[in-house]
Amino acid sequence: MAMAVQSDEDSLTDHVKHMGEAMQRAAHSRFFRFSPPDAWQPATNLYETEDRYVVCMDLAGVNREEIDVEVRQEVLVIRGRRESPRPQSSSKVHLMEIDHGNFRRSITIPSSVMVDNIKARYVDGYLWIELPKEISNIKK
């Protein structure tokens, strides 16, 4: 049976290496995530039907008045703000996974979208945006 002899220097090197790995894991964990301005992007689904594209965006906890939707040069831009959820009494945070602060999401849309007919509605924490296709681009 072979036995490896480890010097104090090797032991220190291994310890530093393990500490570095642990710090890297912590930095990448959701526990240490934060949301500086314009840093978070809401989860989004994009669907296509015969006559339109439909965007569904998860904006739970966002007030309707805090949502701005606009189209700039074939780019749909959705932005707004969600406040940090907090209990009524003072508390110490142990885990914070819910994104908060300013958000922004940009989605390139096809030139076949009738921009003047885009409709948006906010229902049960989801923002639904309907982007109708030009009649000539609808498959028959």
N, C-alpha and C. Protein backbone atom coordinates (compact mmCIF):
# COMPACT_ATOMS: atom_id res chain seq x y z
N MET A 1 0.84 -1.16 0.00
CA MET A 1 0.00 0.00 0.00
C MET A 1 0.89 1.23 0.00
N ALA A 2 0.60 2.15 -0.95
CA ALA A 2 1.40 3.37 -1.06
C ALA A 2 0.77 4.46 -0.21
N MET A 3 1.62 5.25 0.38
CA MET A 3 1.13 6.33 1.21
C MET A 3 1.80 7.62 0.75
N ALA A 4 0.98 8.64 0.49
CA ALA A 4 1.53 9.92 0.05
C ALA A 4 1.85 10.75 1.27
N VAL A 5 2.99 11.37 1.23
CA VAL A 5 3.39 12.26 2.31
C VAL A 5 3.16 13.68 1.82
N GLN A 6 2.44 14.44 2.61
CA GLN A 6 2.09 15.80 2.20
C GLN A 6 2.82 16.79 3.09
N SER A 7 3.47 17.74 2.47
CA SER A 7 4.18 18.76 3.25
C SER A 7 3.19 19.83 3.68
N ASP A 8 3.62 20.69 4.60
CA ASP A 8 2.78 21.81 5.04
C ASP A 8 2.45 22.73 3.87
N GLU A 9 3.42 22.90 2.97
CA GLU A 9 3.20 23.76 1.81
C GLU A 9 2.12 23.18 0.91
N ASP A 10 2.15 21.85 0.67
CA ASP A 10 1.13 21.20 -0.14
C ASP A 10 -0.24 21.34 0.52
N SER A 11 -0.27 21.18 1.83
CA SER A 11 -1.51 21.28 2.58
C SER A 11 -2.10 22.69 2.46
N LEU A 12 -1.26 23.70 2.58
CA LEU A 12 -1.70 25.08 2.44
C LEU A 12 -2.21 25.35 1.03
N THR A 13 -1.49 24.84 0.02
CA THR A 13 -1.90 25.01 -1.37
C THR A 13 -3.27 24.37 -1.60
N ASP A 14 -3.45 23.16 -1.09
CA ASP A 14 -4.75 22.48 -1.23
C ASP A 14 -5.86 23.26 -0.53
N HIS A 15 -5.54 23.77 0.66
CA HIS A 15 -6.54 24.54 1.42
C HIS A 15 -6.96 25.80 0.65
N VAL A 16 -5.99 26.51 0.12
CA VAL A 16 -6.29 27.72 -0.66
C VAL A 16 -7.10 27.35 -1.90
N LYS A 17 -6.74 26.26 -2.56
CA LYS A 17 -7.46 25.80 -3.74
C LYS A 17 -8.92 25.49 -3.39
N HIS A 18 -9.14 24.78 -2.30
CA HIS A 18 -10.51 24.43 -1.89
C HIS A 18 -11.30 25.67 -1.49
N MET A 19 -10.63 26.63 -0.83
CA MET A 19 -11.32 27.87 -0.48
C MET A 19 -11.74 28.63 -1.73
N GLY A 20 -10.85 28.67 -2.73
CA GLY A 20 -11.16 29.34 -3.99
C GLY A 20 -12.35 28.69 -4.69
N GLU A 21 -12.38 27.36 -4.70
CA GLU A 21 -13.49 26.64 -5.31
C GLU A 21 -14.80 26.91 -4.57
N ALA A 22 -14.72 26.94 -3.25
CA ALA A 22 -15.92 27.21 -2.44
C ALA A 22 -16.43 28.63 -2.69
N MET A 23 -15.52 29.59 -2.80
CA MET A 23 -15.93 30.97 -3.08
C MET A 23 -16.55 31.07 -4.46
N GLN A 24 -16.00 30.35 -5.42
CA GLN A 24 -16.55 30.38 -6.78
C GLN A 24 -17.96 29.79 -6.79
N ARG A 25 -18.15 28.67 -6.08
CA ARG A 25 -19.49 28.07 -6.01
C ARG A 25 -20.47 29.05 -5.36
N ALA A 26 -20.04 29.71 -4.30
CA ALA A 26 -20.90 30.67 -3.62
C ALA A 26 -21.25 31.84 -4.52
N ALA A 27 -20.29 32.31 -5.28
CA ALA A 27 -20.54 33.44 -6.17
C ALA A 27 -21.54 33.09 -7.25
N HIS A 28 -21.56 31.83 -7.65
CA HIS A 28 -22.47 31.40 -8.71
C HIS A 28 -23.81 30.90 -8.17
N SER A 29 -23.93 30.77 -6.87
CA SER A 29 -25.18 30.25 -6.33
C SER A 29 -26.24 31.35 -6.34
N ARG A 30 -27.47 30.93 -6.34
CA ARG A 30 -28.59 31.88 -6.33
C ARG A 30 -28.67 32.61 -4.98
N PHE A 31 -28.09 32.06 -3.95
CA PHE A 31 -28.15 32.69 -2.64
C PHE A 31 -27.54 34.08 -2.67
N PHE A 32 -26.49 34.28 -3.44
CA PHE A 32 -25.78 35.55 -3.46
C PHE A 32 -26.15 36.44 -4.64
N ARG A 33 -27.20 36.05 -5.38
CA ARG A 33 -27.62 36.88 -6.52
C ARG A 33 -28.19 38.21 -6.02
N PHE A 34 -28.05 39.22 -6.82
CA PHE A 34 -28.66 40.50 -6.53
C PHE A 34 -29.08 41.13 -7.85
N SER A 35 -29.83 42.18 -7.78
CA SER A 35 -30.36 42.78 -9.00
C SER A 35 -30.03 44.26 -9.08
N PRO A 36 -28.85 44.60 -9.56
CA PRO A 36 -28.57 46.03 -9.78
C PRO A 36 -29.47 46.56 -10.89
N PRO A 37 -29.54 47.87 -11.08
CA PRO A 37 -30.44 48.44 -12.08
C PRO A 37 -30.32 47.77 -13.45
N ASP A 38 -31.47 47.49 -14.03
CA ASP A 38 -31.60 46.90 -15.36
C ASP A 38 -30.90 45.55 -15.49
N ALA A 39 -30.68 44.84 -14.37
CA ALA A 39 -29.92 43.60 -14.44
C ALA A 39 -30.79 42.38 -14.67
N TRP A 40 -32.02 42.37 -14.24
CA TRP A 40 -32.77 41.13 -14.37
C TRP A 40 -33.69 41.15 -15.57
N GLN A 41 -33.89 39.97 -16.13
CA GLN A 41 -34.76 39.80 -17.28
C GLN A 41 -35.86 38.82 -16.90
N PRO A 42 -37.11 39.23 -17.04
CA PRO A 42 -38.21 38.34 -16.69
C PRO A 42 -38.23 37.10 -17.59
N ALA A 43 -38.66 35.98 -17.02
CA ALA A 43 -38.84 34.76 -17.82
C ALA A 43 -39.89 35.04 -18.88
N THR A 44 -39.62 34.60 -20.10
CA THR A 44 -40.47 34.93 -21.24
C THR A 44 -40.68 33.72 -22.13
N ASN A 45 -41.91 33.56 -22.59
CA ASN A 45 -42.24 32.56 -23.61
C ASN A 45 -42.64 33.30 -24.87
N LEU A 46 -42.30 32.73 -26.03
CA LEU A 46 -42.70 33.31 -27.31
C LEU A 46 -43.39 32.23 -28.12
N TYR A 47 -44.61 32.52 -28.54
CA TYR A 47 -45.42 31.57 -29.30
C TYR A 47 -45.70 32.15 -30.68
N GLU A 48 -46.04 31.27 -31.61
CA GLU A 48 -46.47 31.72 -32.93
C GLU A 48 -47.72 30.95 -33.33
N THR A 49 -48.73 31.69 -33.74
CA THR A 49 -49.92 31.09 -34.31
C THR A 49 -49.94 31.44 -35.79
N GLU A 50 -50.99 31.04 -36.45
CA GLU A 50 -51.08 31.31 -37.88
C GLU A 50 -51.07 32.81 -38.19
N ASP A 51 -51.71 33.60 -37.34
CA ASP A 51 -51.86 35.02 -37.65
C ASP A 51 -51.16 35.98 -36.70
N ARG A 52 -50.40 35.44 -35.73
CA ARG A 52 -49.74 36.35 -34.78
C ARG A 52 -48.62 35.66 -34.02
N TYR A 53 -47.77 36.51 -33.41
CA TYR A 53 -46.80 36.05 -32.43
C TYR A 53 -47.36 36.48 -31.08
N VAL A 54 -47.10 35.69 -30.06
CA VAL A 54 -47.59 36.01 -28.73
C VAL A 54 -46.43 35.90 -27.74
N VAL A 55 -46.22 36.97 -26.99
CA VAL A 55 -45.20 37.00 -25.95
C VAL A 55 -45.91 36.89 -24.61
N CYS A 56 -45.42 35.99 -23.76
CA CYS A 56 -45.93 35.87 -22.39
C CYS A 56 -44.75 36.08 -21.46
N MET A 57 -44.87 37.04 -20.56
CA MET A 57 -43.77 37.39 -19.67
C MET A 57 -44.23 37.27 -18.22
N ASP A 58 -43.45 36.60 -17.40
CA ASP A 58 -43.75 36.41 -15.98
C ASP A 58 -43.35 37.67 -15.21
N LEU A 59 -44.35 38.44 -14.79
CA LEU A 59 -44.10 39.68 -14.05
C LEU A 59 -44.86 39.70 -12.73
N ALA A 60 -44.89 38.56 -12.06
CA ALA A 60 -45.59 38.48 -10.76
C ALA A 60 -45.04 39.54 -9.82
N GLY A 61 -45.96 40.24 -9.16
CA GLY A 61 -45.55 41.24 -8.18
C GLY A 61 -45.25 42.62 -8.76
N VAL A 62 -45.36 42.77 -10.07
CA VAL A 62 -45.10 44.06 -10.71
C VAL A 62 -46.44 44.79 -10.86
N ASN A 63 -46.50 46.04 -10.42
CA ASN A 63 -47.71 46.84 -10.62
C ASN A 63 -47.86 47.19 -12.09
N ARG A 64 -49.07 47.11 -12.58
CA ARG A 64 -49.37 47.42 -13.99
C ARG A 64 -48.80 48.77 -14.40
N GLU A 65 -48.87 49.73 -13.50
CA GLU A 65 -48.39 51.09 -13.81
C GLU A 65 -46.88 51.15 -13.97
N GLU A 66 -46.18 50.14 -13.52
CA GLU A 66 -44.71 50.10 -13.59
C GLU A 66 -44.19 49.44 -14.87
N ILE A 67 -45.09 49.05 -15.78
CA ILE A 67 -44.69 48.32 -16.99
C ILE A 67 -44.77 49.25 -18.19
N ASP A 68 -43.70 49.28 -18.99
CA ASP A 68 -43.65 50.08 -20.21
C ASP A 68 -43.33 49.15 -21.38
N VAL A 69 -44.17 49.22 -22.42
CA VAL A 69 -43.98 48.40 -23.62
C VAL A 69 -43.87 49.33 -24.81
N GLU A 70 -42.83 49.16 -25.63
CA GLU A 70 -42.69 49.97 -26.83
C GLU A 70 -41.94 49.19 -27.90
N VAL A 71 -42.09 49.64 -29.14
CA VAL A 71 -41.37 49.05 -30.26
C VAL A 71 -40.46 50.13 -30.84
N ARG A 72 -39.17 49.75 -30.98
CA ARG A 72 -38.18 50.66 -31.57
C ARG A 72 -37.44 49.90 -32.65
N GLN A 73 -37.65 50.29 -33.89
CA GLN A 73 -36.92 49.71 -35.03
C GLN A 73 -36.89 48.18 -34.98
N GLU A 74 -38.08 47.59 -34.99
CA GLU A 74 -38.25 46.13 -35.00
C GLU A 74 -37.72 45.44 -33.74
N VAL A 75 -37.69 46.17 -32.63
CA VAL A 75 -37.32 45.58 -31.34
C VAL A 75 -38.42 45.93 -30.34
N LEU A 76 -39.01 44.89 -29.76
CA LEU A 76 -40.00 45.06 -28.71
C LEU A 76 -39.24 45.22 -27.41
N VAL A 77 -39.47 46.33 -26.71
CA VAL A 77 -38.77 46.61 -25.46
C VAL A 77 -39.79 46.66 -24.33
N ILE A 78 -39.59 45.82 -23.34
CA ILE A 78 -40.45 45.80 -22.16
C ILE A 78 -39.56 46.14 -20.97
N ARG A 79 -39.97 47.12 -20.20
CA ARG A 79 -39.18 47.49 -19.02
C ARG A 79 -40.12 47.91 -17.91
N GLY A 80 -39.57 47.92 -16.72
CA GLY A 80 -40.36 48.32 -15.56
C GLY A 80 -39.56 48.12 -14.30
N ARG A 81 -40.31 47.96 -13.21
CA ARG A 81 -39.68 47.84 -11.90
C ARG A 81 -40.54 46.97 -10.99
N ARG A 82 -39.87 46.13 -10.23
CA ARG A 82 -40.54 45.34 -9.19
C ARG A 82 -39.86 45.64 -7.87
N GLU A 83 -40.66 46.00 -6.89
CA GLU A 83 -40.13 46.27 -5.55
C GLU A 83 -39.73 44.95 -4.89
N SER A 84 -38.82 45.04 -3.97
CA SER A 84 -38.38 43.87 -3.22
C SER A 84 -39.48 43.44 -2.26
N PRO A 85 -39.88 42.17 -2.31
CA PRO A 85 -40.91 41.73 -1.36
C PRO A 85 -40.32 41.64 0.05
N ARG A 86 -41.02 42.20 1.01
CA ARG A 86 -40.53 42.19 2.40
C ARG A 86 -41.72 41.95 3.33
N PRO A 87 -41.48 41.23 4.42
CA PRO A 87 -42.55 41.09 5.42
C PRO A 87 -42.79 42.43 6.11
N GLN A 88 -43.93 42.56 6.76
CA GLN A 88 -44.28 43.82 7.41
C GLN A 88 -43.32 44.19 8.54
N SER A 89 -42.89 43.22 9.33
CA SER A 89 -41.99 43.52 10.45
C SER A 89 -40.54 43.48 9.97
N SER A 90 -39.66 44.01 10.80
CA SER A 90 -38.25 43.97 10.44
C SER A 90 -37.79 42.52 10.45
N SER A 91 -36.91 42.19 9.55
CA SER A 91 -36.49 40.80 9.43
C SER A 91 -35.07 40.71 8.90
N LYS A 92 -34.47 39.58 9.10
CA LYS A 92 -33.14 39.28 8.59
C LYS A 92 -33.32 38.35 7.39
N VAL A 93 -32.67 38.66 6.28
CA VAL A 93 -32.80 37.85 5.06
C VAL A 93 -31.86 36.65 5.15
N HIS A 94 -32.39 35.46 4.92
CA HIS A 94 -31.58 34.25 4.87
C HIS A 94 -31.44 33.73 3.44
N LEU A 95 -32.40 34.04 2.60
CA LEU A 95 -32.38 33.60 1.20
C LEU A 95 -33.20 34.58 0.39
N MET A 96 -32.64 35.06 -0.73
CA MET A 96 -33.37 35.98 -1.58
C MET A 96 -33.17 35.55 -3.03
N GLU A 97 -34.19 34.93 -3.61
CA GLU A 97 -34.13 34.45 -4.99
C GLU A 97 -35.02 35.25 -5.92
N ILE A 98 -35.95 36.02 -5.39
CA ILE A 98 -36.88 36.77 -6.23
C ILE A 98 -36.20 38.03 -6.73
N ASP A 99 -36.09 38.12 -8.06
CA ASP A 99 -35.47 39.30 -8.65
C ASP A 99 -36.33 40.53 -8.36
N HIS A 100 -35.67 41.65 -8.19
CA HIS A 100 -36.37 42.90 -7.92
C HIS A 100 -35.55 44.05 -8.46
N GLY A 101 -36.15 45.22 -8.44
CA GLY A 101 -35.50 46.39 -9.01
C GLY A 101 -35.95 46.58 -10.45
N ASN A 102 -35.17 47.32 -11.20
CA ASN A 102 -35.51 47.58 -12.60
C ASN A 102 -35.28 46.34 -13.44
N PHE A 103 -36.12 46.17 -14.45
CA PHE A 103 -35.91 45.09 -15.41
C PHE A 103 -36.07 45.63 -16.81
N ARG A 104 -35.53 44.88 -17.74
CA ARG A 104 -35.62 45.27 -19.16
C ARG A 104 -35.46 44.01 -20.00
N ARG A 105 -36.30 43.88 -21.00
CA ARG A 105 -36.19 42.75 -21.92
C ARG A 105 -36.42 43.27 -23.33
N SER A 106 -35.53 42.94 -24.25
CA SER A 106 -35.65 43.35 -25.65
C SER A 106 -35.78 42.11 -26.51
N ILE A 107 -36.75 42.14 -27.41
CA ILE A 107 -37.01 41.01 -28.30
C ILE A 107 -37.10 41.52 -29.72
N THR A 108 -36.25 41.03 -30.60
CA THR A 108 -36.31 41.41 -32.01
C THR A 108 -37.54 40.77 -32.62
N ILE A 109 -38.32 41.57 -33.33
CA ILE A 109 -39.54 41.05 -33.95
C ILE A 109 -39.41 41.11 -35.47
N PRO A 110 -40.10 40.21 -36.18
CA PRO A 110 -40.03 40.21 -37.64
C PRO A 110 -40.63 41.49 -38.23
N SER A 111 -40.16 41.87 -39.38
CA SER A 111 -40.69 43.07 -40.03
C SER A 111 -42.13 42.89 -40.48
N SER A 112 -42.61 41.65 -40.49
CA SER A 112 -43.98 41.37 -40.90
C SER A 112 -45.02 41.68 -39.82
N VAL A 113 -44.58 42.08 -38.64
CA VAL A 113 -45.51 42.41 -37.55
C VAL A 113 -46.14 43.77 -37.83
N MET A 114 -47.47 43.84 -37.63
CA MET A 114 -48.20 45.10 -37.78
C MET A 114 -48.08 45.87 -36.46
N VAL A 115 -47.07 46.70 -36.39
CA VAL A 115 -46.71 47.40 -35.14
C VAL A 115 -47.88 48.23 -34.59
N ASP A 116 -48.67 48.84 -35.45
CA ASP A 116 -49.78 49.68 -34.99
C ASP A 116 -50.91 48.88 -34.36
N ASN A 117 -50.89 47.56 -34.52
CA ASN A 117 -51.97 46.72 -33.99
C ASN A 117 -51.54 45.84 -32.81
N ILE A 118 -50.38 46.11 -32.25
CA ILE A 118 -49.91 45.33 -31.11
C ILE A 118 -50.79 45.62 -29.91
N LYS A 119 -51.16 44.55 -29.20
CA LYS A 119 -52.00 44.69 -28.01
C LYS A 119 -51.32 44.01 -26.83
N ALA A 120 -51.44 44.62 -25.66
CA ALA A 120 -50.87 44.03 -24.45
C ALA A 120 -51.93 44.02 -23.36
N ARG A 121 -51.89 42.94 -22.55
CA ARG A 121 -52.76 42.86 -21.38
C ARG A 121 -51.99 42.20 -20.25
N TYR A 122 -52.33 42.59 -19.03
CA TYR A 122 -51.65 42.08 -17.85
C TYR A 122 -52.68 41.34 -17.01
N VAL A 123 -52.51 40.00 -16.91
CA VAL A 123 -53.49 39.17 -16.23
C VAL A 123 -52.77 38.22 -15.28
N ASP A 124 -53.14 38.25 -14.02
CA ASP A 124 -52.63 37.32 -13.01
C ASP A 124 -51.11 37.22 -12.98
N GLY A 125 -50.43 38.34 -13.12
CA GLY A 125 -48.96 38.36 -13.04
C GLY A 125 -48.25 38.06 -14.34
N TYR A 126 -49.01 37.84 -15.42
CA TYR A 126 -48.40 37.60 -16.73
C TYR A 126 -48.73 38.76 -17.66
N LEU A 127 -47.72 39.22 -18.37
CA LEU A 127 -47.92 40.22 -19.41
C LEU A 127 -48.04 39.47 -20.74
N TRP A 128 -49.16 39.63 -21.40
CA TRP A 128 -49.40 39.00 -22.71
C TRP A 128 -49.35 40.08 -23.78
N ILE A 129 -48.51 39.89 -24.77
CA ILE A 129 -48.40 40.85 -25.87
C ILE A 129 -48.68 40.11 -27.16
N GLU A 130 -49.66 40.59 -27.91
CA GLU A 130 -50.02 39.99 -29.19
C GLU A 130 -49.47 40.86 -30.31
N LEU A 131 -48.72 40.22 -31.20
CA LEU A 131 -48.07 40.90 -32.32
C LEU A 131 -48.65 40.33 -33.62
N PRO A 132 -49.68 40.97 -34.17
CA PRO A 132 -50.32 40.42 -35.38
C PRO A 132 -49.40 40.50 -36.60
N LYS A 133 -49.49 39.47 -37.44
CA LYS A 133 -48.73 39.42 -38.69
C LYS A 133 -49.50 40.18 -39.77
N GLU A 134 -48.76 40.71 -40.72
CA GLU A 134 -49.40 41.34 -41.88
C GLU A 134 -50.19 40.26 -42.62
N ILE A 135 -51.31 40.64 -43.19
CA ILE A 135 -52.20 39.71 -43.89
C ILE A 135 -51.43 38.92 -44.96
N SER A 136 -50.54 39.56 -45.70
CA SER A 136 -49.83 38.90 -46.79
C SER A 136 -48.86 37.81 -46.28
N ASN A 137 -48.55 37.84 -44.97
CA ASN A 137 -47.62 36.85 -44.40
C ASN A 137 -48.32 35.70 -43.69
N ILE A 138 -49.64 35.71 -43.70
CA ILE A 138 -50.38 34.64 -43.07
C ILE A 138 -50.51 33.49 -44.06
N LYS A 139 -50.12 32.30 -43.63
CA LYS A 139 -50.20 31.11 -44.50
C LYS A 139 -51.64 30.74 -44.74
N LYS A 140 -51.96 30.42 -45.98
CA LYS A 140 -53.35 30.03 -46.30
C LYS A 140 -53.43 28.54 -46.50
